[in-house]
């Protein structure tokens, strides 16, 4: 379970930080690219590290940290949309 949970969790957290910092909602293909890159990087890292180096607890922690970041990104996106800063 940790072999698939950890890459998804790490990629979700790092991609959520990208979305919040660089206004990723304006570039959805870049967001997908970042997610794929980080997931592939983590899958490669799990192949090189000894088994059990990253337990499932670390993946759950990353997912738990990604939730508030995604909520904050949603608030920022909604605020920019209300103020007309999205160019729509």
PDB file of N, CA and C in Angstrom:
ATOM      1  N   UNK A   1       0.816  -1.192   0.000  1.00  0.00           N
ATOM      2  CA  UNK A   1       0.000   0.000   0.000  1.00  0.00           C
ATOM      3  C   UNK A   1       0.861   1.257   0.000  1.00  0.00           C
ATOM      4  N   UNK A   2       1.943   1.250   0.764  1.00  0.00           N
ATOM      5  CA  UNK A   2       2.813   2.420   0.829  1.00  0.00           C
ATOM      6  C   UNK A   2       3.493   2.674  -0.509  1.00  0.00           C
ATOM      7  N   UNK A   3       3.666   1.631  -1.329  1.00  0.00           N
ATOM      8  CA  UNK A   3       4.357   1.811  -2.600  1.00  0.00           C
ATOM      9  C   UNK A   3       3.564   2.677  -3.569  1.00  0.00           C
ATOM     10  N   UNK A   4       2.248   2.716  -3.459  1.00  0.00           N
ATOM     11  CA  UNK A   4       1.441   3.576  -4.323  1.00  0.00           C
ATOM     12  C   UNK A   4       0.951   4.817  -3.581  1.00  0.00           C
ATOM     13  N   UNK A   5       0.765   4.706  -2.269  1.00  0.00           N
ATOM     14  CA  UNK A   5       0.277   5.840  -1.483  1.00  0.00           C
ATOM     15  C   UNK A   5       1.316   6.955  -1.405  1.00  0.00           C
ATOM     16  N   UNK A   6       2.544   6.608  -1.143  1.00  0.00           N
ATOM     17  CA  UNK A   6       3.572   7.632  -0.967  1.00  0.00           C
ATOM     18  C   UNK A   6       3.831   8.457  -2.226  1.00  0.00           C
ATOM     19  N   UNK A   7       3.985   7.869  -3.400  1.00  0.00           N
ATOM     20  CA  UNK A   7       4.179   8.722  -4.587  1.00  0.00           C
ATOM     21  C   UNK A   7       2.996   9.654  -4.845  1.00  0.00           C
ATOM     22  N   UNK A   8       1.794   9.152  -4.652  1.00  0.00           N
ATOM     23  CA  UNK A   8       0.625  10.009  -4.861  1.00  0.00           C
ATOM     24  C   UNK A   8       0.566  11.107  -3.810  1.00  0.00           C
ATOM     25  N   UNK A   9       0.884  10.772  -2.571  1.00  0.00           N
ATOM     26  CA  UNK A   9       0.833  11.758  -1.495  1.00  0.00           C
ATOM     27  C   UNK A   9       1.892  12.840  -1.674  1.00  0.00           C
ATOM     28  N   UNK A  10       3.121  12.443  -1.957  1.00  0.00           N
ATOM     29  CA  UNK A  10       4.180  13.429  -2.177  1.00  0.00           C
ATOM     30  C   UNK A  10       3.851  14.315  -3.374  1.00  0.00           C
ATOM     31  N   UNK A  11       3.414  13.702  -4.466  1.00  0.00           N
ATOM     32  CA  UNK A  11       3.089  14.473  -5.664  1.00  0.00           C
ATOM     33  C   UNK A  11       1.923  15.422  -5.404  1.00  0.00           C
ATOM     34  N   UNK A  12       0.937  14.985  -4.648  1.00  0.00           N
ATOM     35  CA  UNK A  12      -0.204  15.847  -4.338  1.00  0.00           C
ATOM     36  C   UNK A  12       0.232  17.046  -3.515  1.00  0.00           C
ATOM     37  N   UNK A  13       1.036  16.817  -2.495  1.00  0.00           N
ATOM     38  CA  UNK A  13       1.483  17.925  -1.650  1.00  0.00           C
ATOM     39  C   UNK A  13       2.327  18.913  -2.438  1.00  0.00           C
ATOM     40  N   UNK A  14       3.305  18.442  -3.178  1.00  0.00           N
ATOM     41  CA  UNK A  14       4.181  19.348  -3.915  1.00  0.00           C
ATOM     42  C   UNK A  14       3.433  20.066  -5.038  1.00  0.00           C
ATOM     43  N   UNK A  15       2.498  19.390  -5.685  1.00  0.00           N
ATOM     44  CA  UNK A  15       1.708  20.032  -6.728  1.00  0.00           C
ATOM     45  C   UNK A  15       0.754  21.061  -6.128  1.00  0.00           C
ATOM     46  N   UNK A  16       0.193  20.778  -4.962  1.00  0.00           N
ATOM     47  CA  UNK A  16      -0.686  21.745  -4.307  1.00  0.00           C
ATOM     48  C   UNK A  16       0.088  23.010  -3.949  1.00  0.00           C
ATOM     49  N   UNK A  17       1.319  22.845  -3.497  1.00  0.00           N
ATOM     50  CA  UNK A  17       2.151  24.015  -3.204  1.00  0.00           C
ATOM     51  C   UNK A  17       2.458  24.806  -4.469  1.00  0.00           C
ATOM     52  N   UNK A  18       2.685  24.121  -5.574  1.00  0.00           N
ATOM     53  CA  UNK A  18       2.898  24.786  -6.863  1.00  0.00           C
ATOM     54  C   UNK A  18       1.660  25.570  -7.271  1.00  0.00           C
ATOM     55  N   UNK A  19       0.498  24.950  -7.135  1.00  0.00           N
ATOM     56  CA  UNK A  19      -0.757  25.607  -7.517  1.00  0.00           C
ATOM     57  C   UNK A  19      -0.964  26.877  -6.700  1.00  0.00           C
ATOM     58  N   UNK A  20      -0.720  26.808  -5.413  1.00  0.00           N
ATOM     59  CA  UNK A  20      -0.926  27.968  -4.556  1.00  0.00           C
ATOM     60  C   UNK A  20       0.091  29.068  -4.852  1.00  0.00           C
ATOM     61  N   UNK A  21       1.339  28.722  -4.998  1.00  0.00           N
ATOM     62  CA  UNK A  21       2.380  29.729  -5.174  1.00  0.00           C
ATOM     63  C   UNK A  21       2.364  30.375  -6.547  1.00  0.00           C
ATOM     64  N   UNK A  22       2.166  29.576  -7.600  1.00  0.00           N
ATOM     65  CA  UNK A  22       2.286  30.078  -8.964  1.00  0.00           C
ATOM     66  C   UNK A  22       0.951  30.166  -9.692  1.00  0.00           C
ATOM     67  N   UNK A  23      -0.145  30.187  -8.943  1.00  0.00           N
ATOM     68  CA  UNK A  23      -1.488  30.327  -9.521  1.00  0.00           C
ATOM     69  C   UNK A  23      -1.701  29.285 -10.628  1.00  0.00           C
ATOM     70  N   UNK A  24      -1.591  28.026 -10.236  1.00  0.00           N
ATOM     71  CA  UNK A  24      -1.650  26.917 -11.179  1.00  0.00           C
ATOM     72  C   UNK A  24      -2.970  26.777 -11.908  1.00  0.00           C
ATOM     73  N   UNK A  25      -4.027  27.379 -11.391  1.00  0.00           N
ATOM     74  CA  UNK A  25      -5.317  27.268 -12.055  1.00  0.00           C
ATOM     75  C   UNK A  25      -5.299  27.967 -13.412  1.00  0.00           C
ATOM     76  N   UNK A  26      -4.318  28.827 -13.652  1.00  0.00           N
ATOM     77  CA  UNK A  26      -4.185  29.469 -14.959  1.00  0.00           C
ATOM     78  C   UNK A  26      -3.471  28.569 -15.969  1.00  0.00           C
ATOM     79  N   UNK A  27      -2.768  27.539 -15.475  1.00  0.00           N
ATOM     80  CA  UNK A  27      -1.997  26.645 -16.345  1.00  0.00           C
ATOM     81  C   UNK A  27      -2.237  25.191 -15.944  1.00  0.00           C
ATOM     82  N   UNK A  28      -3.381  24.640 -16.315  1.00  0.00           N
ATOM     83  CA  UNK A  28      -3.688  23.269 -15.861  1.00  0.00           C
ATOM     84  C   UNK A  28      -2.742  22.205 -16.417  1.00  0.00           C
ATOM     85  N   UNK A  29      -2.208  22.398 -17.602  1.00  0.00           N
ATOM     86  CA  UNK A  29      -1.271  21.403 -18.144  1.00  0.00           C
ATOM     87  C   UNK A  29       0.033  21.390 -17.345  1.00  0.00           C
ATOM     88  N   UNK A  30       0.445  22.536 -16.851  1.00  0.00           N
ATOM     89  CA  UNK A  30       1.642  22.586 -16.016  1.00  0.00           C
ATOM     90  C   UNK A  30       1.399  21.856 -14.699  1.00  0.00           C
ATOM     91  N   UNK A  31       0.189  21.965 -14.165  1.00  0.00           N
ATOM     92  CA  UNK A  31      -0.143  21.272 -12.925  1.00  0.00           C
ATOM     93  C   UNK A  31      -0.075  19.760 -13.131  1.00  0.00           C
ATOM     94  N   UNK A  32      -0.631  19.288 -14.225  1.00  0.00           N
ATOM     95  CA  UNK A  32      -0.569  17.852 -14.524  1.00  0.00           C
ATOM     96  C   UNK A  32       0.883  17.420 -14.726  1.00  0.00           C
ATOM     97  N   UNK A  33       1.655  18.240 -15.415  1.00  0.00           N
ATOM     98  CA  UNK A  33       3.064  17.923 -15.628  1.00  0.00           C
ATOM     99  C   UNK A  33       3.846  17.844 -14.324  1.00  0.00           C
ATOM    100  N   UNK A  34       3.599  18.789 -13.421  1.00  0.00           N
ATOM    101  CA  UNK A  34       4.259  18.751 -12.122  1.00  0.00           C
ATOM    102  C   UNK A  34       3.864  17.507 -11.342  1.00  0.00           C
ATOM    103  N   UNK A  35       2.585  17.155 -11.359  1.00  0.00           N
ATOM    104  CA  UNK A  35       2.142  15.974 -10.626  1.00  0.00           C
ATOM    105  C   UNK A  35       2.812  14.716 -11.168  1.00  0.00           C
ATOM    106  N   UNK A  36       2.839  14.569 -12.470  1.00  0.00           N
ATOM    107  CA  UNK A  36       3.466  13.394 -13.085  1.00  0.00           C
ATOM    108  C   UNK A  36       4.957  13.364 -12.783  1.00  0.00           C
ATOM    109  N   UNK A  37       5.613  14.522 -12.859  1.00  0.00           N
ATOM    110  CA  UNK A  37       7.043  14.585 -12.577  1.00  0.00           C
ATOM    111  C   UNK A  37       7.342  14.178 -11.139  1.00  0.00           C
ATOM    112  N   UNK A  38       6.610  14.742 -10.186  1.00  0.00           N
ATOM    113  CA  UNK A  38       6.868  14.427  -8.784  1.00  0.00           C
ATOM    114  C   UNK A  38       6.512  12.979  -8.456  1.00  0.00           C
ATOM    115  N   UNK A  39       5.457  12.458  -9.057  1.00  0.00           N
ATOM    116  CA  UNK A  39       5.094  11.056  -8.814  1.00  0.00           C
ATOM    117  C   UNK A  39       6.172  10.126  -9.381  1.00  0.00           C
ATOM    118  N   UNK A  40       6.647  10.421 -10.580  1.00  0.00           N
ATOM    119  CA  UNK A  40       7.701   9.596 -11.179  1.00  0.00           C
ATOM    120  C   UNK A  40       8.988   9.683 -10.372  1.00  0.00           C
ATOM    121  N   UNK A  41       9.295  10.874  -9.877  1.00  0.00           N
ATOM    122  CA  UNK A  41      10.486  11.050  -9.057  1.00  0.00           C
ATOM    123  C   UNK A  41      10.389  10.228  -7.773  1.00  0.00           C
ATOM    124  N   UNK A  42       9.239  10.227  -7.161  1.00  0.00           N
ATOM    125  CA  UNK A  42       9.054   9.465  -5.919  1.00  0.00           C
ATOM    126  C   UNK A  42       9.046   7.962  -6.187  1.00  0.00           C
ATOM    127  N   UNK A  43       8.470   7.542  -7.285  1.00  0.00           N
ATOM    128  CA  UNK A  43       8.500   6.116  -7.633  1.00  0.00           C
ATOM    129  C   UNK A  43       9.948   5.669  -7.846  1.00  0.00           C
ATOM    130  N   UNK A  44      10.736   6.507  -8.513  1.00  0.00           N
ATOM    131  CA  UNK A  44      12.150   6.200  -8.692  1.00  0.00           C
ATOM    132  C   UNK A  44      12.898   6.155  -7.377  1.00  0.00           C
ATOM    133  N   UNK A  45      12.554   7.055  -6.469  1.00  0.00           N
ATOM    134  CA  UNK A  45      13.224   7.080  -5.165  1.00  0.00           C
ATOM    135  C   UNK A  45      12.881   5.837  -4.349  1.00  0.00           C
ATOM    136  N   UNK A  46      11.649   5.363  -4.439  1.00  0.00           N
ATOM    137  CA  UNK A  46      11.278   4.168  -3.675  1.00  0.00           C
ATOM    138  C   UNK A  46      11.985   2.928  -4.213  1.00  0.00           C
ATOM    139  N   UNK A  47      12.350   2.947  -5.481  1.00  0.00           N
ATOM    140  CA  UNK A  47      13.096   1.816  -6.047  1.00  0.00           C
ATOM    141  C   UNK A  47      14.538   1.792  -5.529  1.00  0.00           C
ATOM    142  N   UNK A  48      15.096   2.968  -5.246  1.00  0.00           N
ATOM    143  CA  UNK A  48      16.488   3.054  -4.816  1.00  0.00           C
ATOM    144  C   UNK A  48      16.658   2.897  -3.308  1.00  0.00           C
ATOM    145  N   UNK A  49      15.645   3.283  -2.541  1.00  0.00           N
ATOM    146  CA  UNK A  49      15.741   3.216  -1.083  1.00  0.00           C
ATOM    147  C   UNK A  49      15.424   1.813  -0.583  1.00  0.00           C
ATOM    148  N   UNK A  50      15.888   1.472   0.588  1.00  0.00           N
ATOM    149  CA  UNK A  50      15.566   0.151   1.133  1.00  0.00           C
ATOM    150  C   UNK A  50      14.071   0.043   1.447  1.00  0.00           C
ATOM    151  N   UNK A  51      13.542  -1.166   1.419  1.00  0.00           N
ATOM    152  CA  UNK A  51      12.114  -1.351   1.704  1.00  0.00           C
ATOM    153  C   UNK A  51      11.763  -0.839   3.100  1.00  0.00           C
ATOM    154  N   UNK A  52      10.655  -0.148   3.184  1.00  0.00           N
ATOM    155  CA  UNK A  52      10.185   0.361   4.459  1.00  0.00           C
ATOM    156  C   UNK A  52      10.799   1.685   4.878  1.00  0.00           C
ATOM    157  N   UNK A  53      11.586   2.324   3.995  1.00  0.00           N
ATOM    158  CA  UNK A  53      12.213   3.598   4.353  1.00  0.00           C
ATOM    159  C   UNK A  53      11.162   4.685   4.556  1.00  0.00           C
ATOM    160  N   UNK A  54      10.177   4.699   3.695  1.00  0.00           N
ATOM    161  CA  UNK A  54       9.047   5.610   3.835  1.00  0.00           C
ATOM    162  C   UNK A  54       7.814   4.770   4.114  1.00  0.00           C
ATOM    163  N   UNK A  55       7.357   4.799   5.324  1.00  0.00           N
ATOM    164  CA  UNK A  55       6.177   4.032   5.689  1.00  0.00           C
ATOM    165  C   UNK A  55       4.904   4.719   5.253  1.00  0.00           C
ATOM    166  N   UNK A  56       3.775   4.043   5.413  1.00  0.00           N
ATOM    167  CA  UNK A  56       2.499   4.638   5.001  1.00  0.00           C
ATOM    168  C   UNK A  56       2.117   5.857   5.843  1.00  0.00           C
ATOM    169  N   UNK A  57       2.677   5.971   7.039  1.00  0.00           N
ATOM    170  CA  UNK A  57       2.385   7.137   7.878  1.00  0.00           C
ATOM    171  C   UNK A  57       2.856   8.432   7.240  1.00  0.00           C
ATOM    172  N   UNK A  58       3.981   8.374   6.534  1.00  0.00           N
ATOM    173  CA  UNK A  58       4.497   9.566   5.869  1.00  0.00           C
ATOM    174  C   UNK A  58       3.585   9.974   4.710  1.00  0.00           C
ATOM    175  N   UNK A  59       3.054   9.000   4.004  1.00  0.00           N
ATOM    176  CA  UNK A  59       2.117   9.300   2.923  1.00  0.00           C
ATOM    177  C   UNK A  59       0.834   9.923   3.447  1.00  0.00           C
ATOM    178  N   UNK A  60       0.340   9.403   4.557  1.00  0.00           N
ATOM    179  CA  UNK A  60      -0.873   9.963   5.157  1.00  0.00           C
ATOM    180  C   UNK A  60      -0.610  11.385   5.640  1.00  0.00           C
ATOM    181  N   UNK A  61       0.565  11.626   6.198  1.00  0.00           N
ATOM    182  CA  UNK A  61       0.922  12.971   6.651  1.00  0.00           C
ATOM    183  C   UNK A  61       0.973  13.946   5.476  1.00  0.00           C
ATOM    184  N   UNK A  62       1.556  13.525   4.369  1.00  0.00           N
ATOM    185  CA  UNK A  62       1.621  14.398   3.197  1.00  0.00           C
ATOM    186  C   UNK A  62       0.227  14.710   2.662  1.00  0.00           C
ATOM    187  N   UNK A  63      -0.640  13.718   2.635  1.00  0.00           N
ATOM    188  CA  UNK A  63      -2.013  13.977   2.199  1.00  0.00           C
ATOM    189  C   UNK A  63      -2.726  14.924   3.159  1.00  0.00           C
ATOM    190  N   UNK A  64      -2.488  14.747   4.451  1.00  0.00           N
ATOM    191  CA  UNK A  64      -3.115  15.629   5.437  1.00  0.00           C
ATOM    192  C   UNK A  64      -2.597  17.058   5.298  1.00  0.00           C
ATOM    193  N   UNK A  65      -1.335  17.229   4.960  1.00  0.00           N
ATOM    194  CA  UNK A  65      -0.787  18.568   4.757  1.00  0.00           C
ATOM    195  C   UNK A  65      -1.262  19.190   3.450  1.00  0.00           C
ATOM    196  N   UNK A  66      -1.570  18.369   2.466  1.00  0.00           N
ATOM    197  CA  UNK A  66      -2.031  18.883   1.177  1.00  0.00           C
ATOM    198  C   UNK A  66      -3.440  19.467   1.268  1.00  0.00           C
ATOM    199  N   UNK A  67      -4.252  18.955   2.174  1.00  0.00           N
ATOM    200  CA  UNK A  67      -5.645  19.416   2.277  1.00  0.00           C
ATOM    201  C   UNK A  67      -5.727  20.911   2.587  1.00  0.00           C
ATOM    202  N   UNK A  68      -5.060  21.427   3.635  1.00  0.00           N
ATOM    203  CA  UNK A  68      -5.166  22.866   3.883  1.00  0.00           C
ATOM    204  C   UNK A  68      -4.559  23.726   2.775  1.00  0.00           C
ATOM    205  N   UNK A  69      -3.526  23.209   2.108  1.00  0.00           N
ATOM    206  CA  UNK A  69      -2.929  23.963   1.005  1.00  0.00           C
ATOM    207  C   UNK A  69      -3.925  24.070  -0.144  1.00  0.00           C
ATOM    208  N   UNK A  70      -4.621  22.986  -0.452  1.00  0.00           N
ATOM    209  CA  UNK A  70      -5.622  23.024  -1.520  1.00  0.00           C
ATOM    210  C   UNK A  70      -6.810  23.900  -1.139  1.00  0.00           C
ATOM    211  N   UNK A  71      -7.199  23.889   0.121  1.00  0.00           N
ATOM    212  CA  UNK A  71      -8.283  24.767   0.571  1.00  0.00           C
ATOM    213  C   UNK A  71      -7.858  26.232   0.423  1.00  0.00           C
ATOM    214  N   UNK A  72      -6.635  26.545   0.813  1.00  0.00           N
ATOM    215  CA  UNK A  72      -6.132  27.916   0.659  1.00  0.00           C
ATOM    216  C   UNK A  72      -6.076  28.323  -0.806  1.00  0.00           C
ATOM    217  N   UNK A  73      -5.656  27.406  -1.682  1.00  0.00           N
ATOM    218  CA  UNK A  73      -5.627  27.710  -3.110  1.00  0.00           C
ATOM    219  C   UNK A  73      -7.032  27.972  -3.632  1.00  0.00           C
ATOM    220  N   UNK A  74      -8.006  27.212  -3.146  1.00  0.00           N
ATOM    221  CA  UNK A  74      -9.397  27.449  -3.535  1.00  0.00           C
ATOM    222  C   UNK A  74      -9.892  28.814  -3.091  1.00  0.00           C
ATOM    223  N   UNK A  75      -9.529  29.228  -1.884  1.00  0.00           N
ATOM    224  CA  UNK A  75      -9.921  30.550  -1.400  1.00  0.00           C
ATOM    225  C   UNK A  75      -9.271  31.662  -2.230  1.00  0.00           C
ATOM    226  N   UNK A  76      -8.001  31.501  -2.549  1.00  0.00           N
ATOM    227  CA  UNK A  76      -7.303  32.508  -3.349  1.00  0.00           C
ATOM    228  C   UNK A  76      -7.919  32.577  -4.739  1.00  0.00           C
ATOM    229  N   UNK A  77      -8.182  31.429  -5.343  1.00  0.00           N
ATOM    230  CA  UNK A  77      -8.795  31.406  -6.676  1.00  0.00           C
ATOM    231  C   UNK A  77     -10.153  32.088  -6.660  1.00  0.00           C
ATOM    232  N   UNK A  78     -10.967  31.786  -5.648  1.00  0.00           N
ATOM    233  CA  UNK A  78     -12.299  32.386  -5.553  1.00  0.00           C
ATOM    234  C   UNK A  78     -12.206  33.896  -5.339  1.00  0.00           C
ATOM    235  N   UNK A  79     -11.259  34.341  -4.527  1.00  0.00           N
ATOM    236  CA  UNK A  79     -11.094  35.776  -4.288  1.00  0.00           C
ATOM    237  C   UNK A  79     -10.651  36.493  -5.559  1.00  0.00           C
ATOM    238  N   UNK A  80      -9.717  35.897  -6.292  1.00  0.00           N
ATOM    239  CA  UNK A  80      -9.276  36.516  -7.542  1.00  0.00           C
ATOM    240  C   UNK A  80     -10.398  36.531  -8.568  1.00  0.00           C
ATOM    241  N   UNK A  81     -11.212  35.510  -8.573  1.00  0.00           N
ATOM    242  CA  UNK A  81     -12.332  35.457  -9.502  1.00  0.00           C
ATOM    243  C   UNK A  81     -13.338  36.559  -9.168  1.00  0.00           C
ATOM    244  N   UNK A  82     -13.601  36.767  -7.889  1.00  0.00           N
ATOM    245  CA  UNK A  82     -14.535  37.816  -7.475  1.00  0.00           C
ATOM    246  C   UNK A  82     -14.017  39.206  -7.824  1.00  0.00           C
ATOM    247  N   UNK A  83     -12.726  39.398  -7.722  1.00  0.00           N
ATOM    248  CA  UNK A  83     -12.156  40.717  -7.998  1.00  0.00           C
ATOM    249  C   UNK A  83     -11.844  40.925  -9.461  1.00  0.00           C
ATOM    250  N   UNK A  84     -12.093  39.922 -10.282  1.00  0.00           N
ATOM    251  CA  UNK A  84     -11.868  40.060 -11.722  1.00  0.00           C
ATOM    252  C   UNK A  84     -10.424  40.035 -12.137  1.00  0.00           C
ATOM    253  N   UNK A  85      -9.574  39.414 -11.335  1.00  0.00           N
ATOM    254  CA  UNK A  85      -8.153  39.376 -11.656  1.00  0.00           C
ATOM    255  C   UNK A  85      -7.771  38.198 -12.540  1.00  0.00           C
ATOM    256  N   UNK A  86      -8.727  37.365 -12.869  1.00  0.00           N
ATOM    257  CA  UNK A  86      -8.412  36.200 -13.683  1.00  0.00           C
ATOM    258  C   UNK A  86      -8.490  36.483 -15.174  1.00  0.00           C
ATOM    259  N   UNK A  87      -8.931  37.655 -15.550  1.00  0.00           N
ATOM    260  CA  UNK A  87      -8.999  38.005 -16.967  1.00  0.00           C
ATOM    261  C   UNK A  87     -10.184  37.407 -17.689  1.00  0.00           C
ATOM    262  N   UNK A  88     -11.200  37.045 -16.974  1.00  0.00           N
ATOM    263  CA  UNK A  88     -12.381  36.450 -17.607  1.00  0.00           C
ATOM    264  C   UNK A  88     -13.476  37.475 -17.740  1.00  0.00           C
TER     265      UNK A  88
END
